[in-house]
Amino acid sequence: MAFTEKLLTVPPPIEVAGRHIKRYHVTADPAGIAPDVAKAAYEILPELLPKPDGTPPATFVVLHRGGDDGAYLNAYSWAWDNVLHFRGAAAGQPVLGCPDSDPTHFVTPDLPWIGCVWELPPILHERDAWVRHLLTPEVPDLGAYLTDSLPAGTTGDR
């Protein structure tokens, strides 16, 4: 099986449903993720976010455009102070329960998967950034966490 790293871009953070969202986009296409796919993904994002629990309201997402019709949105939200909550959505991938091959028609499959090899690199960085900025300092610094993102490049540059 041949393996090729994909491109990783880091759009600026956004706010959705009262949560600060750090964003990572993964694709093999140098043009990036098509605007209609990104728009559809971010429209379903509120369904993937947990209810507030007193933890600083921070989430990071990985939006991945596969090599076929598939598009995947993984939302990793900090909860219970130091726990990573996961919910995902997929589009254009009938094998995951998507109704068609439209990469803008996102659904929320009930699968125990947390990400593929191209989607996982941000998790390590975000874990370390959360510890560095929220758990270790005497005074947690959400702003510093939100500006500490994995650099753009490829998914294997870590």
N, C-alpha and C. Protein backbone atom coordinates (compact mmCIF):
# COMPACT_ATOMS: atom_id res chain seq x y z
N MET A 1 0.85 -1.17 0.00
CA MET A 1 0.00 0.00 0.00
C MET A 1 0.89 1.24 0.00
N ALA A 2 0.74 2.12 -0.96
CA ALA A 2 1.52 3.35 -1.04
C ALA A 2 0.95 4.40 -0.09
N PHE A 3 1.83 5.17 0.49
CA PHE A 3 1.42 6.23 1.41
C PHE A 3 2.08 7.54 1.01
N THR A 4 1.30 8.59 0.96
CA THR A 4 1.81 9.93 0.66
C THR A 4 1.24 10.91 1.67
N GLU A 5 2.10 11.73 2.24
CA GLU A 5 1.62 12.76 3.16
C GLU A 5 0.70 13.73 2.41
N LYS A 6 -0.14 14.40 3.16
CA LYS A 6 -1.05 15.40 2.59
C LYS A 6 -0.66 16.78 3.11
N LEU A 7 -1.24 17.78 2.48
CA LEU A 7 -0.98 19.17 2.87
C LEU A 7 -1.84 19.55 4.07
N LEU A 8 -1.25 20.31 4.97
CA LEU A 8 -1.94 20.80 6.16
C LEU A 8 -1.93 22.32 6.10
N THR A 9 -3.11 22.93 6.15
CA THR A 9 -3.21 24.39 6.26
C THR A 9 -3.90 24.72 7.57
N VAL A 10 -3.70 25.94 8.03
CA VAL A 10 -4.21 26.36 9.33
C VAL A 10 -4.97 27.68 9.17
N PRO A 11 -6.26 27.60 8.84
CA PRO A 11 -7.06 28.83 8.77
C PRO A 11 -7.18 29.47 10.15
N PRO A 12 -7.48 30.75 10.22
CA PRO A 12 -7.62 31.40 11.52
C PRO A 12 -8.76 30.81 12.35
N PRO A 13 -8.65 30.92 13.67
CA PRO A 13 -9.73 30.42 14.54
C PRO A 13 -11.03 31.18 14.27
N ILE A 14 -12.13 30.50 14.60
CA ILE A 14 -13.46 31.11 14.51
C ILE A 14 -14.19 30.83 15.81
N GLU A 15 -15.34 31.46 16.00
CA GLU A 15 -16.18 31.17 17.15
C GLU A 15 -17.48 30.57 16.66
N VAL A 16 -17.88 29.45 17.26
CA VAL A 16 -19.11 28.77 16.90
C VAL A 16 -19.80 28.34 18.20
N ALA A 17 -21.05 28.71 18.34
CA ALA A 17 -21.86 28.29 19.50
C ALA A 17 -21.14 28.58 20.83
N GLY A 18 -20.48 29.73 20.91
CA GLY A 18 -19.80 30.11 22.14
C GLY A 18 -18.47 29.43 22.38
N ARG A 19 -17.99 28.65 21.42
CA ARG A 19 -16.70 27.97 21.57
C ARG A 19 -15.70 28.57 20.60
N HIS A 20 -14.45 28.63 21.04
CA HIS A 20 -13.34 29.06 20.19
C HIS A 20 -12.88 27.82 19.42
N ILE A 21 -12.82 27.95 18.10
CA ILE A 21 -12.51 26.80 17.24
C ILE A 21 -11.20 27.04 16.51
N LYS A 22 -10.18 26.24 16.83
CA LYS A 22 -8.93 26.24 16.06
C LYS A 22 -9.15 25.30 14.88
N ARG A 23 -8.61 25.67 13.70
CA ARG A 23 -8.93 24.89 12.51
C ARG A 23 -7.68 24.39 11.80
N TYR A 24 -7.79 23.14 11.34
CA TYR A 24 -6.77 22.51 10.50
C TYR A 24 -7.49 21.93 9.28
N HIS A 25 -6.93 22.15 8.10
CA HIS A 25 -7.47 21.57 6.88
C HIS A 25 -6.42 20.64 6.29
N VAL A 26 -6.86 19.46 5.86
CA VAL A 26 -5.97 18.44 5.29
C VAL A 26 -6.50 18.06 3.92
N THR A 27 -5.62 18.10 2.92
CA THR A 27 -6.01 17.70 1.57
C THR A 27 -4.74 17.46 0.74
N ALA A 28 -4.88 16.67 -0.30
CA ALA A 28 -3.77 16.51 -1.25
C ALA A 28 -3.79 17.61 -2.30
N ASP A 29 -4.86 18.36 -2.38
CA ASP A 29 -5.03 19.40 -3.39
C ASP A 29 -4.33 20.69 -2.97
N PRO A 30 -3.32 21.16 -3.73
CA PRO A 30 -2.64 22.41 -3.37
C PRO A 30 -3.56 23.62 -3.34
N ALA A 31 -4.72 23.54 -4.01
CA ALA A 31 -5.68 24.65 -3.98
C ALA A 31 -6.44 24.69 -2.64
N GLY A 32 -6.31 23.66 -1.83
CA GLY A 32 -7.00 23.63 -0.55
C GLY A 32 -8.37 23.00 -0.66
N ILE A 33 -9.15 23.15 0.38
CA ILE A 33 -10.50 22.58 0.42
C ILE A 33 -11.45 23.56 -0.26
N ALA A 34 -12.29 23.04 -1.13
CA ALA A 34 -13.24 23.87 -1.87
C ALA A 34 -14.14 24.63 -0.89
N PRO A 35 -14.42 25.89 -1.18
CA PRO A 35 -15.25 26.70 -0.28
C PRO A 35 -16.61 26.09 0.03
N ASP A 36 -17.26 25.43 -0.95
CA ASP A 36 -18.57 24.85 -0.67
C ASP A 36 -18.47 23.68 0.31
N VAL A 37 -17.38 22.92 0.26
CA VAL A 37 -17.19 21.82 1.20
C VAL A 37 -16.92 22.39 2.60
N ALA A 38 -16.06 23.38 2.71
CA ALA A 38 -15.77 24.00 4.00
C ALA A 38 -17.03 24.62 4.60
N LYS A 39 -17.80 25.31 3.79
CA LYS A 39 -19.05 25.95 4.27
C LYS A 39 -19.99 24.90 4.84
N ALA A 40 -20.19 23.80 4.10
CA ALA A 40 -21.08 22.74 4.56
C ALA A 40 -20.56 22.11 5.85
N ALA A 41 -19.26 21.91 5.95
CA ALA A 41 -18.68 21.31 7.16
C ALA A 41 -18.92 22.21 8.37
N TYR A 42 -18.66 23.50 8.22
CA TYR A 42 -18.82 24.40 9.36
C TYR A 42 -20.29 24.63 9.71
N GLU A 43 -21.20 24.36 8.79
CA GLU A 43 -22.63 24.46 9.11
C GLU A 43 -23.08 23.33 10.03
N ILE A 44 -22.45 22.15 9.94
CA ILE A 44 -22.83 21.04 10.81
C ILE A 44 -22.06 21.06 12.13
N LEU A 45 -21.02 21.86 12.20
CA LEU A 45 -20.16 21.88 13.39
C LEU A 45 -20.92 22.06 14.71
N PRO A 46 -21.91 22.95 14.82
CA PRO A 46 -22.59 23.08 16.12
C PRO A 46 -23.16 21.77 16.66
N GLU A 47 -23.54 20.86 15.78
CA GLU A 47 -24.08 19.56 16.22
C GLU A 47 -23.00 18.67 16.84
N LEU A 48 -21.74 18.99 16.60
CA LEU A 48 -20.64 18.16 17.07
C LEU A 48 -20.04 18.65 18.38
N LEU A 49 -20.52 19.78 18.88
CA LEU A 49 -19.91 20.40 20.06
C LEU A 49 -20.63 20.00 21.34
N PRO A 50 -19.87 19.77 22.42
CA PRO A 50 -20.49 19.40 23.70
C PRO A 50 -21.11 20.62 24.38
N LYS A 51 -21.95 20.33 25.35
CA LYS A 51 -22.53 21.40 26.17
C LYS A 51 -21.44 21.96 27.07
N PRO A 52 -21.53 23.24 27.44
CA PRO A 52 -20.54 23.83 28.36
C PRO A 52 -20.52 23.08 29.69
N ASP A 53 -19.31 22.95 30.25
CA ASP A 53 -19.19 22.27 31.55
C ASP A 53 -18.24 23.01 32.49
N GLY A 54 -17.92 24.26 32.15
CA GLY A 54 -17.00 25.04 32.98
C GLY A 54 -15.57 25.01 32.48
N THR A 55 -15.25 24.10 31.59
CA THR A 55 -13.93 24.06 30.96
C THR A 55 -13.84 25.21 29.97
N PRO A 56 -12.70 25.86 29.84
CA PRO A 56 -12.61 26.91 28.82
C PRO A 56 -13.14 26.38 27.48
N PRO A 57 -14.01 27.14 26.83
CA PRO A 57 -14.72 26.64 25.64
C PRO A 57 -13.84 26.63 24.39
N ALA A 58 -13.04 25.59 24.27
CA ALA A 58 -12.10 25.49 23.15
C ALA A 58 -12.25 24.15 22.44
N THR A 59 -12.17 24.21 21.12
CA THR A 59 -12.29 23.04 20.26
C THR A 59 -11.26 23.19 19.15
N PHE A 60 -10.74 22.08 18.65
CA PHE A 60 -9.99 22.15 17.41
C PHE A 60 -10.62 21.16 16.45
N VAL A 61 -10.64 21.54 15.19
CA VAL A 61 -11.25 20.69 14.17
C VAL A 61 -10.23 20.36 13.10
N VAL A 62 -10.43 19.20 12.50
CA VAL A 62 -9.66 18.80 11.34
C VAL A 62 -10.68 18.54 10.24
N LEU A 63 -10.62 19.35 9.19
CA LEU A 63 -11.45 19.15 8.02
C LEU A 63 -10.57 18.53 6.95
N HIS A 64 -10.94 17.32 6.53
CA HIS A 64 -10.11 16.52 5.63
C HIS A 64 -10.89 16.22 4.36
N ARG A 65 -10.30 16.54 3.25
CA ARG A 65 -10.89 16.20 1.94
C ARG A 65 -10.12 15.00 1.43
N GLY A 66 -10.81 13.87 1.32
CA GLY A 66 -10.19 12.63 0.86
C GLY A 66 -9.85 12.67 -0.62
N GLY A 67 -9.21 11.62 -1.08
CA GLY A 67 -8.82 11.52 -2.47
C GLY A 67 -9.95 11.12 -3.39
N ASP A 68 -11.09 10.73 -2.81
CA ASP A 68 -12.27 10.40 -3.61
C ASP A 68 -13.32 11.47 -3.37
N ASP A 69 -14.57 11.09 -3.18
CA ASP A 69 -15.63 12.07 -2.92
C ASP A 69 -15.74 12.44 -1.44
N GLY A 70 -15.04 11.75 -0.58
CA GLY A 70 -15.21 11.92 0.86
C GLY A 70 -14.68 13.23 1.42
N ALA A 71 -15.39 13.71 2.42
CA ALA A 71 -14.97 14.86 3.22
C ALA A 71 -15.31 14.52 4.67
N TYR A 72 -14.43 14.90 5.58
CA TYR A 72 -14.56 14.49 6.97
C TYR A 72 -14.29 15.69 7.87
N LEU A 73 -15.12 15.86 8.89
CA LEU A 73 -14.92 16.92 9.87
C LEU A 73 -14.83 16.26 11.24
N ASN A 74 -13.67 16.37 11.86
CA ASN A 74 -13.46 15.84 13.21
C ASN A 74 -13.40 17.02 14.17
N ALA A 75 -14.25 16.99 15.18
CA ALA A 75 -14.28 18.05 16.19
C ALA A 75 -13.80 17.48 17.52
N TYR A 76 -12.71 18.02 18.02
CA TYR A 76 -12.11 17.60 19.28
C TYR A 76 -12.28 18.77 20.24
N SER A 77 -13.10 18.60 21.27
CA SER A 77 -13.42 19.67 22.21
C SER A 77 -12.88 19.34 23.59
N TRP A 78 -12.32 20.35 24.24
CA TRP A 78 -11.85 20.15 25.60
C TRP A 78 -13.04 20.16 26.54
N ALA A 79 -13.09 19.19 27.44
CA ALA A 79 -14.18 19.04 28.39
C ALA A 79 -13.61 18.52 29.71
N TRP A 80 -14.36 18.68 30.74
CA TRP A 80 -14.01 18.15 32.06
C TRP A 80 -12.57 18.49 32.43
N ASP A 81 -12.15 19.69 32.04
CA ASP A 81 -10.83 20.27 32.33
C ASP A 81 -9.69 19.70 31.48
N ASN A 82 -9.60 18.38 31.34
CA ASN A 82 -8.43 17.79 30.68
C ASN A 82 -8.78 16.59 29.79
N VAL A 83 -10.03 16.52 29.35
CA VAL A 83 -10.51 15.40 28.56
C VAL A 83 -10.85 15.89 27.15
N LEU A 84 -10.53 15.08 26.17
CA LEU A 84 -10.82 15.42 24.79
C LEU A 84 -12.11 14.72 24.34
N HIS A 85 -13.13 15.51 24.07
CA HIS A 85 -14.42 15.02 23.60
C HIS A 85 -14.37 14.97 22.07
N PHE A 86 -14.89 13.90 21.46
CA PHE A 86 -14.84 13.77 20.01
C PHE A 86 -16.22 13.53 19.43
N ARG A 87 -16.48 14.22 18.32
CA ARG A 87 -17.63 13.92 17.45
C ARG A 87 -17.16 14.20 16.04
N GLY A 88 -17.66 13.42 15.10
CA GLY A 88 -17.26 13.59 13.71
C GLY A 88 -18.43 13.61 12.76
N ALA A 89 -18.18 14.13 11.58
CA ALA A 89 -19.17 14.15 10.50
C ALA A 89 -18.45 13.74 9.22
N ALA A 90 -19.22 13.18 8.31
CA ALA A 90 -18.65 12.75 7.03
C ALA A 90 -19.63 13.09 5.92
N ALA A 91 -19.08 13.28 4.73
CA ALA A 91 -19.90 13.54 3.54
C ALA A 91 -19.28 12.80 2.36
N GLY A 92 -20.12 12.41 1.43
CA GLY A 92 -19.62 11.82 0.19
C GLY A 92 -19.02 10.44 0.32
N GLN A 93 -19.24 9.77 1.43
CA GLN A 93 -18.64 8.46 1.65
C GLN A 93 -19.74 7.46 2.06
N PRO A 94 -20.41 6.84 1.06
CA PRO A 94 -21.50 5.93 1.37
C PRO A 94 -21.13 4.79 2.33
N VAL A 95 -19.90 4.34 2.31
CA VAL A 95 -19.51 3.26 3.21
C VAL A 95 -19.61 3.67 4.69
N LEU A 96 -19.62 4.99 4.96
CA LEU A 96 -19.77 5.48 6.33
C LEU A 96 -21.20 5.87 6.65
N GLY A 97 -22.12 5.52 5.75
CA GLY A 97 -23.52 5.84 6.00
C GLY A 97 -23.98 7.14 5.35
N CYS A 98 -23.13 7.77 4.56
CA CYS A 98 -23.53 8.98 3.85
C CYS A 98 -24.56 8.57 2.77
N PRO A 99 -25.60 9.38 2.57
CA PRO A 99 -26.65 8.99 1.65
C PRO A 99 -26.28 9.09 0.17
N ASP A 100 -25.16 9.75 -0.13
CA ASP A 100 -24.76 9.94 -1.53
C ASP A 100 -23.27 10.25 -1.58
N SER A 101 -22.74 10.59 -2.74
CA SER A 101 -21.32 10.94 -2.86
C SER A 101 -21.09 12.44 -2.97
N ASP A 102 -22.00 13.22 -2.44
CA ASP A 102 -21.88 14.68 -2.43
C ASP A 102 -20.99 15.10 -1.25
N PRO A 103 -19.81 15.71 -1.51
CA PRO A 103 -18.91 16.08 -0.41
C PRO A 103 -19.39 17.26 0.42
N THR A 104 -20.57 17.79 0.12
CA THR A 104 -21.14 18.87 0.94
C THR A 104 -22.34 18.40 1.75
N HIS A 105 -22.71 17.12 1.66
CA HIS A 105 -23.88 16.58 2.36
C HIS A 105 -23.41 15.81 3.59
N PHE A 106 -23.10 16.55 4.65
CA PHE A 106 -22.54 15.95 5.86
C PHE A 106 -23.61 15.28 6.72
N VAL A 107 -23.22 14.14 7.29
CA VAL A 107 -24.03 13.42 8.27
C VAL A 107 -23.11 13.06 9.44
N THR A 108 -23.71 12.62 10.53
CA THR A 108 -22.92 12.27 11.72
C THR A 108 -22.99 10.77 11.97
N PRO A 109 -22.09 10.00 11.36
CA PRO A 109 -22.10 8.55 11.58
C PRO A 109 -21.77 8.22 13.03
N ASP A 110 -22.36 7.17 13.52
CA ASP A 110 -22.11 6.72 14.89
C ASP A 110 -21.03 5.64 14.86
N LEU A 111 -19.80 6.09 14.69
CA LEU A 111 -18.66 5.18 14.63
C LEU A 111 -17.66 5.54 15.73
N PRO A 112 -16.91 4.58 16.24
CA PRO A 112 -15.94 4.86 17.30
C PRO A 112 -14.59 5.35 16.78
N TRP A 113 -14.51 5.79 15.54
CA TRP A 113 -13.24 6.23 14.96
C TRP A 113 -12.94 7.68 15.32
N ILE A 114 -11.67 7.98 15.62
CA ILE A 114 -11.30 9.35 15.99
C ILE A 114 -10.47 10.06 14.93
N GLY A 115 -10.08 9.39 13.87
CA GLY A 115 -9.33 10.06 12.81
C GLY A 115 -8.40 9.09 12.11
N CYS A 116 -8.05 9.46 10.89
CA CYS A 116 -7.12 8.64 10.11
C CYS A 116 -5.69 9.18 10.26
N VAL A 117 -4.74 8.53 9.63
CA VAL A 117 -3.33 8.91 9.80
C VAL A 117 -3.06 10.36 9.40
N TRP A 118 -3.81 10.93 8.48
CA TRP A 118 -3.58 12.32 8.07
C TRP A 118 -4.27 13.30 9.01
N GLU A 119 -5.25 12.82 9.77
CA GLU A 119 -5.99 13.70 10.68
C GLU A 119 -5.43 13.72 12.09
N LEU A 120 -4.56 12.78 12.43
CA LEU A 120 -4.08 12.65 13.80
C LEU A 120 -2.97 13.62 14.22
N PRO A 121 -2.09 14.11 13.33
CA PRO A 121 -1.01 14.97 13.81
C PRO A 121 -1.44 16.16 14.68
N PRO A 122 -2.55 16.83 14.39
CA PRO A 122 -2.91 17.95 15.27
C PRO A 122 -3.21 17.53 16.71
N ILE A 123 -3.63 16.28 16.94
CA ILE A 123 -3.99 15.87 18.30
C ILE A 123 -2.81 15.99 19.25
N LEU A 124 -1.64 15.51 18.86
CA LEU A 124 -0.47 15.60 19.74
C LEU A 124 -0.13 17.06 20.04
N HIS A 125 -0.09 17.88 18.99
CA HIS A 125 0.22 19.29 19.21
C HIS A 125 -0.79 19.94 20.16
N GLU A 126 -2.07 19.68 19.93
CA GLU A 126 -3.11 20.32 20.74
C GLU A 126 -3.09 19.84 22.19
N ARG A 127 -2.74 18.59 22.40
CA ARG A 127 -2.60 18.08 23.77
C ARG A 127 -1.50 18.85 24.50
N ASP A 128 -0.35 18.98 23.83
CA ASP A 128 0.78 19.68 24.45
C ASP A 128 0.46 21.16 24.65
N ALA A 129 -0.23 21.78 23.69
CA ALA A 129 -0.59 23.20 23.83
C ALA A 129 -1.57 23.40 24.99
N TRP A 130 -2.51 22.48 25.17
CA TRP A 130 -3.48 22.58 26.27
C TRP A 130 -2.75 22.49 27.62
N VAL A 131 -1.85 21.55 27.73
CA VAL A 131 -1.07 21.42 28.97
C VAL A 131 -0.23 22.68 29.19
N ARG A 132 0.45 23.13 28.14
CA ARG A 132 1.35 24.28 28.22
C ARG A 132 0.63 25.56 28.64
N HIS A 133 -0.56 25.80 28.10
CA HIS A 133 -1.23 27.08 28.30
C HIS A 133 -2.39 27.07 29.30
N LEU A 134 -3.00 25.89 29.54
CA LEU A 134 -4.17 25.86 30.43
C LEU A 134 -3.94 25.09 31.71
N LEU A 135 -3.17 24.00 31.66
CA LEU A 135 -3.04 23.16 32.85
C LEU A 135 -1.80 23.45 33.68
N THR A 136 -0.71 23.86 33.06
CA THR A 136 0.54 24.08 33.78
C THR A 136 0.63 25.45 34.45
N PRO A 137 0.25 26.53 33.78
CA PRO A 137 0.42 27.85 34.40
C PRO A 137 -0.48 28.04 35.62
N GLU A 138 -0.01 28.89 36.51
CA GLU A 138 -0.81 29.21 37.68
C GLU A 138 -2.12 29.87 37.25
N VAL A 139 -2.04 30.70 36.20
CA VAL A 139 -3.23 31.35 35.65
C VAL A 139 -3.39 30.84 34.21
N PRO A 140 -4.42 30.04 33.94
CA PRO A 140 -4.62 29.53 32.58
C PRO A 140 -4.74 30.66 31.56
N ASP A 141 -4.22 30.43 30.35
CA ASP A 141 -4.20 31.46 29.32
C ASP A 141 -4.84 30.92 28.03
N LEU A 142 -6.17 31.06 27.93
CA LEU A 142 -6.89 30.58 26.76
C LEU A 142 -6.43 31.29 25.50
N GLY A 143 -6.15 32.58 25.59
CA GLY A 143 -5.68 33.33 24.43
C GLY A 143 -4.39 32.78 23.87
N ALA A 144 -3.46 32.41 24.74
CA ALA A 144 -2.19 31.83 24.28
C ALA A 144 -2.44 30.48 23.62
N TYR A 145 -3.35 29.69 24.18
CA TYR A 145 -3.68 28.41 23.57
C TYR A 145 -4.24 28.62 22.16
N LEU A 146 -5.12 29.58 22.00
CA LEU A 146 -5.77 29.79 20.71
C LEU A 146 -4.79 30.25 19.62
N THR A 147 -3.69 30.85 20.01
CA THR A 147 -2.70 31.28 19.00
C THR A 147 -1.60 30.25 18.77
N ASP A 148 -1.61 29.17 19.53
CA ASP A 148 -0.58 28.13 19.43
C ASP A 148 -1.09 26.98 18.56
N SER A 149 -0.85 27.06 17.27
CA SER A 149 -1.31 26.04 16.33
C SER A 149 -0.14 25.32 15.70
N LEU A 150 -0.40 24.12 15.27
CA LEU A 150 0.57 23.36 14.48
C LEU A 150 0.86 24.16 13.22
N PRO A 151 2.10 24.28 12.80
CA PRO A 151 2.37 25.07 11.59
C PRO A 151 1.89 24.36 10.32
N ALA A 152 1.54 25.15 9.35
CA ALA A 152 1.15 24.60 8.04
C ALA A 152 2.33 23.89 7.42
N GLY A 153 2.06 22.97 6.54
CA GLY A 153 3.11 22.20 5.86
C GLY A 153 2.50 20.93 5.32
N THR A 154 3.06 19.80 5.75
CA THR A 154 2.42 18.53 5.45
C THR A 154 2.11 17.83 6.75
N THR A 155 1.26 16.84 6.67
CA THR A 155 0.85 16.14 7.89
C THR A 155 2.01 15.38 8.53
N GLY A 156 3.08 15.14 7.80
CA GLY A 156 4.22 14.39 8.34
C GLY A 156 5.38 15.25 8.80
N ASP A 157 5.22 16.57 8.80
CA ASP A 157 6.32 17.46 9.19
C ASP A 157 6.46 17.60 10.69
N ARG A 158 5.98 16.69 11.46
CA ARG A 158 6.00 16.87 12.91
C ARG A 158 7.11 16.12 13.51
